[in-house]
Amino acid sequence: MRYSDFDHRLAALGARPVHRGRIVRVWLNGQALDTGTRRRSSEDFLPLSLRNALPALTAELDGLAGIRSEHAGNDGTRLLVELADGQMVESVLLPRDGLCVSSQVGCAVGCRFCMTGKSGLIRQVSSMEILAQVVLARRLGSVKKVVFMGMGEPAHNLENVLEAIDLLGTEGNIGHKNLVLSTVGDLRVFEALPQQRVKPALALSLHSTKAELREHLLPRAPKIAPADLIELGEKYARDTGYPIQYQWTLLKGVNDGHDELDAVLRLLKGKYCVLNVIPFNSLEGDDYQRPDPERIREIVHYLHSRGLLTKVRNSAGQDVDGGCGQLRARAIGTTQVVALHRQRAAV
């Protein structure tokens, strides 16, 4: 179910725009659909036909998604969320009232260092299923920032993602710069976002300044040269007034050398941005390793001392073996996921 479908259902029940807005606002805040305003109860506000339908609507909304398991860590709580058809996605309660949500079950980009990519794309997550992740999180605590950095490539599910972003930035009471869309750099994102009434901040997966290496690490990402991707990001940053977050997963011996560091300094010099270095979340049997802690500190100091704002962003949940995609992989069987990935790679 997409939000547009739900909105049509409400309209068919006699709800005017003011009633429909009220229903979606209380739902997005994790409250009961019959919650009244400070001055009026729902009986004095909502039409009878809509009030009579609230139990069925509540059951349908509650059936969109449920928390299968919670995994609390030092840097946040990772939630394994089960959707109505039994498929699972992950969302993460982050420090400072943040939430990371998933936009797909699996992912088609196939990043070589990502557990989610090993399963390939299973299906899209609807706008209502995306919003349901926010609702579940708000029933556990405050959510003032939502980042689309969980499972999936948002650009490959752009219609649902943009619909969710629009609702969160209007009825969901989340500041537009506190909505962050992460992408490998699909051109459709740069075409669509400037046209939206809610323009989110943007995070771009860079990972290397070398075009060939980046294409190897992100095998099914659009073939955009790193310098061209940065120029697209810079234009959006200047137009919106939000700095671009460039994502760089640190892989020991792959993209953590001084040649890469000097190149990224040249490319990002004077740009309105921050570089997030993300030490690789090592997984048993993977081909990559995270740099040593001392090397990570050296990298951050080297870049920061030369004028590039650089932050370390660990993948939340590493201390409970719950980095992105790992909870779902364990739930369905890691061996099954990796075997499926290898089978598809051999085709």
Foldseek 3Di string as FASTA:
>chain_A
DAVVVVLVVCVVLVDDPVLSLLQLLCLLLLHQSQCDDPVDGSVVPPDPSNVVCRVVVVVVLVQQKDFPDWDDDPFWIKTWIAGNVRQTWIKTQGPPQAIEFEFFQAEAQQQQLALSPLQHGDGTRALSSRSSVSSNVSVVHHHQAYEHPAHYACVVVVVRVLSNLLCCCPSVNHPLQRYEHEHCQDVVCLVPQVVHPRRYAYEHEQQFQDQVLSCVRRVRHPSDHSLRSLVSQQVSCVVVVHAYEYEHEAWPPRQLDVVRLVSVCVSCPPGRHAYEYEFRLDDPPRPTHGDDPVSVVVSCCVNVVSPHHYHYDYQPPSVVQDGRNRVSCVVVPVVVSNVSSVVVVVD
